[in-house]
Amino acid sequence: MSVADLQARIETRSTSALQRQLNAVRDPVSRLSLKISSAIFIQCLPSSSNPQPGARDISMMFLNICNVWTDISLSTPALWEAIHIKFPRAKGFVQLLGSWLSRARNHSLFLSLHGSFDEGAATVVRGYAQKLRSLEIQSDHRDCLDLFASMSDCFFGSAMLATVAVHDTAILSVWDLTHDFLLSNPTC
């Protein structure tokens, strides 16, 4: 690599750093406190349903605006406390699911799983069982429902879990279980 190439790389890096600083000065959100910025970001969440992970999800879009918005987004656990997932998903999704749920930190989780989820996804969900406030599972695949049943001791031991809904679309039945019901009927 020549000296000219090295100087160009240094100038490019300096320009990038200067551009980031300029963006921070121009961006009004970056001048707000984290508490106010987080509150604004939370107001952008959809109110009608849990977000679906993907490029069009608002939580994910915040990560791609600029470094300041990424920092705010990653510092706002409420952006990551709910998720709706339609399976099957691409390979590597289990890693994304784990990242998403870990970003919620100490917040309760609201999780909706639809379709044919696999052991990997179930293992990730099992790891967050104690933080679940609401769990909805909808599947017409007996394997998925059996997988959920094998993990039920993890979920039903959670003091936070308020709602569980299991929809078996193959036989068109729904089981809605609430935490109060489970506590008053320990044989369930």
Protein backbone atom coordinates (compact mmCIF):
# COMPACT_ATOMS: atom_id res chain seq x y z
CA MET A 1 0.00 0.00 0.00
CA SER A 2 1.40 3.38 -0.98
CA VAL A 3 1.70 6.48 1.15
CA ALA A 4 -0.99 8.16 -0.96
CA ASP A 5 -3.36 5.24 -0.28
CA LEU A 6 -2.69 5.45 3.44
CA GLN A 7 -3.26 9.25 3.44
CA ALA A 8 -6.54 8.77 1.56
CA ARG A 9 -7.68 6.22 4.15
CA ILE A 10 -6.75 8.58 7.00
CA GLU A 11 -8.64 11.45 5.33
CA THR A 12 -11.65 9.19 4.77
CA ARG A 13 -11.67 8.15 8.41
CA SER A 14 -11.27 11.75 9.55
CA THR A 15 -14.07 12.79 7.22
CA SER A 16 -16.30 10.04 8.61
CA ALA A 17 -15.60 11.14 12.17
CA LEU A 18 -16.24 14.77 11.28
CA GLN A 19 -19.45 13.81 9.47
CA ARG A 20 -20.68 11.94 12.57
CA GLN A 21 -19.96 14.99 14.72
CA LEU A 22 -21.74 17.27 12.25
CA ASN A 23 -24.75 14.94 12.14
CA ALA A 24 -24.90 14.98 15.94
CA VAL A 25 -24.98 18.78 15.94
CA ARG A 26 -27.66 18.93 13.24
CA ASP A 27 -29.87 16.18 14.68
CA PRO A 28 -32.30 17.63 17.25
CA VAL A 29 -32.87 14.21 18.82
CA SER A 30 -29.20 13.97 19.74
CA ARG A 31 -29.52 17.16 21.79
CA LEU A 32 -32.34 15.76 23.94
CA SER A 33 -31.81 13.75 27.10
CA LEU A 34 -31.93 9.98 26.79
CA LYS A 35 -35.15 9.90 28.80
CA ILE A 36 -36.94 12.26 26.40
CA SER A 37 -35.49 10.62 23.26
CA SER A 38 -36.51 7.19 24.55
CA ALA A 39 -40.05 8.41 25.26
CA ILE A 40 -40.30 9.73 21.70
CA PHE A 41 -39.03 6.45 20.26
CA ILE A 42 -41.50 4.45 22.36
CA GLN A 43 -44.37 6.57 21.02
CA CYS A 44 -43.41 5.38 17.52
CA LEU A 45 -44.18 1.73 18.38
CA PRO A 46 -47.33 0.25 16.87
CA SER A 47 -50.13 0.15 19.42
CA SER A 48 -52.20 -2.55 17.75
CA SER A 49 -49.81 -5.49 17.74
CA ASN A 50 -46.41 -6.80 18.73
CA PRO A 51 -43.73 -5.79 16.22
CA GLN A 52 -42.41 -8.32 13.72
CA PRO A 53 -38.63 -8.42 13.47
CA GLY A 54 -37.39 -7.19 10.13
CA ALA A 55 -36.07 -4.19 8.25
CA ARG A 56 -39.47 -2.45 8.38
CA ASP A 57 -39.89 -2.76 12.14
CA ILE A 58 -39.51 0.62 13.82
CA SER A 59 -37.13 -0.71 16.47
CA MET A 60 -34.86 -2.06 13.74
CA MET A 61 -35.16 1.12 11.66
CA PHE A 62 -33.89 3.21 14.56
CA LEU A 63 -30.70 1.14 14.46
CA ASN A 64 -30.05 2.24 10.87
CA ILE A 65 -30.55 6.02 11.06
CA CYS A 66 -27.29 7.12 12.66
CA ASN A 67 -25.00 6.22 15.56
CA VAL A 68 -26.85 8.48 18.00
CA TRP A 69 -30.22 6.90 17.20
CA THR A 70 -28.68 3.43 17.43
CA ASP A 71 -27.37 4.25 20.89
CA ILE A 72 -30.75 5.60 21.98
CA SER A 73 -32.56 2.56 20.58
CA LEU A 74 -30.22 0.09 22.28
CA SER A 75 -30.56 2.04 25.54
CA THR A 76 -34.37 1.83 25.46
CA PRO A 77 -35.44 -1.65 26.64
CA ALA A 78 -39.15 -0.89 26.10
CA LEU A 79 -38.53 -0.94 22.33
CA TRP A 80 -37.62 -4.62 22.58
CA GLU A 81 -40.13 -6.00 25.11
CA ALA A 82 -42.63 -7.30 22.54
CA ILE A 83 -42.21 -9.40 19.44
CA HIS A 84 -44.47 -11.28 17.02
CA ILE A 85 -42.81 -14.02 14.99
CA LYS A 86 -44.20 -15.95 12.05
CA PHE A 87 -42.32 -19.16 11.38
CA PRO A 88 -40.56 -20.59 9.48
CA ARG A 89 -37.74 -18.03 9.49
CA ALA A 90 -34.38 -17.86 7.77
CA LYS A 91 -31.31 -19.55 9.20
CA GLY A 92 -29.66 -17.38 11.79
CA PHE A 93 -32.97 -16.05 13.05
CA VAL A 94 -32.50 -17.73 16.43
CA GLN A 95 -29.49 -15.47 17.01
CA LEU A 96 -31.58 -12.39 16.13
CA LEU A 97 -34.34 -13.57 18.49
CA GLY A 98 -31.84 -13.90 21.33
CA SER A 99 -30.46 -10.42 20.63
CA TRP A 100 -33.94 -8.91 20.47
CA LEU A 101 -35.06 -10.44 23.78
CA SER A 102 -31.81 -9.57 25.56
CA ARG A 103 -32.24 -5.90 24.60
CA ALA A 104 -35.40 -5.80 26.73
CA ARG A 105 -33.12 -6.22 29.76
CA ASN A 106 -35.27 -6.27 32.92
CA HIS A 107 -38.58 -5.49 31.17
CA SER A 108 -41.40 -8.03 30.98
CA LEU A 109 -41.70 -9.77 27.61
CA PHE A 110 -44.74 -10.10 25.35
CA LEU A 111 -44.12 -12.91 22.88
CA SER A 112 -46.25 -14.21 20.03
CA LEU A 113 -45.14 -17.28 18.04
CA HIS A 114 -47.06 -18.38 14.94
CA GLY A 115 -46.31 -21.30 12.67
CA SER A 116 -43.80 -24.09 12.89
CA PHE A 117 -41.04 -23.04 15.24
CA ASP A 118 -38.03 -25.22 15.90
CA GLU A 119 -36.05 -26.42 18.89
CA GLY A 120 -33.56 -23.54 18.54
CA ALA A 121 -36.26 -20.89 18.86
CA ALA A 122 -37.88 -22.82 21.70
CA THR A 123 -34.55 -22.96 23.54
CA VAL A 124 -34.12 -19.19 23.26
CA VAL A 125 -37.68 -18.59 24.50
CA ARG A 126 -37.13 -21.04 27.37
CA GLY A 127 -34.10 -18.97 28.43
CA TYR A 128 -36.37 -15.94 28.90
CA ALA A 129 -39.29 -17.81 30.51
CA GLN A 130 -38.94 -16.00 33.84
CA LYS A 131 -39.39 -12.62 32.09
CA LEU A 132 -42.51 -13.56 30.09
CA ARG A 133 -45.63 -11.53 30.85
CA SER A 134 -47.61 -12.83 27.86
CA LEU A 135 -47.06 -15.81 25.59
CA GLU A 136 -49.18 -16.67 22.56
CA ILE A 137 -48.50 -19.76 20.48
CA GLN A 138 -50.43 -20.54 17.32
CA SER A 139 -49.55 -23.59 15.28
CA ASP A 140 -51.12 -26.40 13.34
CA HIS A 141 -48.01 -28.53 13.78
CA ARG A 142 -48.34 -31.06 16.56
CA ASP A 143 -44.53 -31.02 17.01
CA CYS A 144 -44.61 -27.34 18.00
CA LEU A 145 -47.41 -27.82 20.48
CA ASP A 146 -45.65 -30.87 21.94
CA LEU A 147 -42.45 -28.82 22.19
CA PHE A 148 -44.35 -26.12 24.08
CA ALA A 149 -45.90 -28.73 26.37
CA SER A 150 -42.44 -30.11 27.18
CA MET A 151 -41.33 -26.61 28.22
CA SER A 152 -44.48 -25.68 30.16
CA ASP A 153 -42.85 -26.18 33.56
CA CYS A 154 -40.47 -23.30 32.71
CA PHE A 155 -43.32 -20.96 31.82
CA PHE A 156 -45.83 -21.81 34.49
CA GLY A 157 -43.26 -21.38 37.25
CA SER A 158 -42.86 -17.72 36.31
CA ALA A 159 -44.40 -15.23 38.70
CA MET A 160 -44.57 -12.64 35.90
CA LEU A 161 -46.52 -14.72 33.39
CA ALA A 162 -50.05 -13.31 33.24
CA THR A 163 -51.40 -14.73 29.97
CA VAL A 164 -50.78 -17.84 27.92
CA ALA A 165 -52.80 -18.54 24.79
CA VAL A 166 -52.22 -21.70 22.79
CA HIS A 167 -54.06 -21.98 19.48
CA ASP A 168 -54.05 -25.36 17.76
CA THR A 169 -55.21 -24.38 14.30
CA ALA A 170 -55.24 -27.98 13.11
CA ILE A 171 -58.19 -28.83 15.35
CA LEU A 172 -59.45 -25.25 15.71
CA SER A 173 -59.24 -25.14 19.47
CA VAL A 174 -57.92 -22.48 21.79
CA TRP A 175 -56.66 -22.79 25.31
CA ASP A 176 -56.36 -19.53 27.22
CA LEU A 177 -54.67 -19.85 30.55
CA THR A 178 -54.16 -16.99 32.96
CA HIS A 179 -51.69 -16.83 35.76
CA ASP A 180 -54.43 -16.48 38.41
CA PHE A 181 -56.15 -19.62 37.14
CA LEU A 182 -52.89 -21.53 37.25
CA LEU A 183 -52.16 -20.38 40.79
CA SER A 184 -55.61 -21.36 42.02
CA ASN A 185 -55.51 -24.73 40.20
CA PRO A 186 -52.01 -26.13 40.68
CA THR A 187 -52.99 -29.43 39.05
CA CYS A 188 -53.12 -27.77 35.60
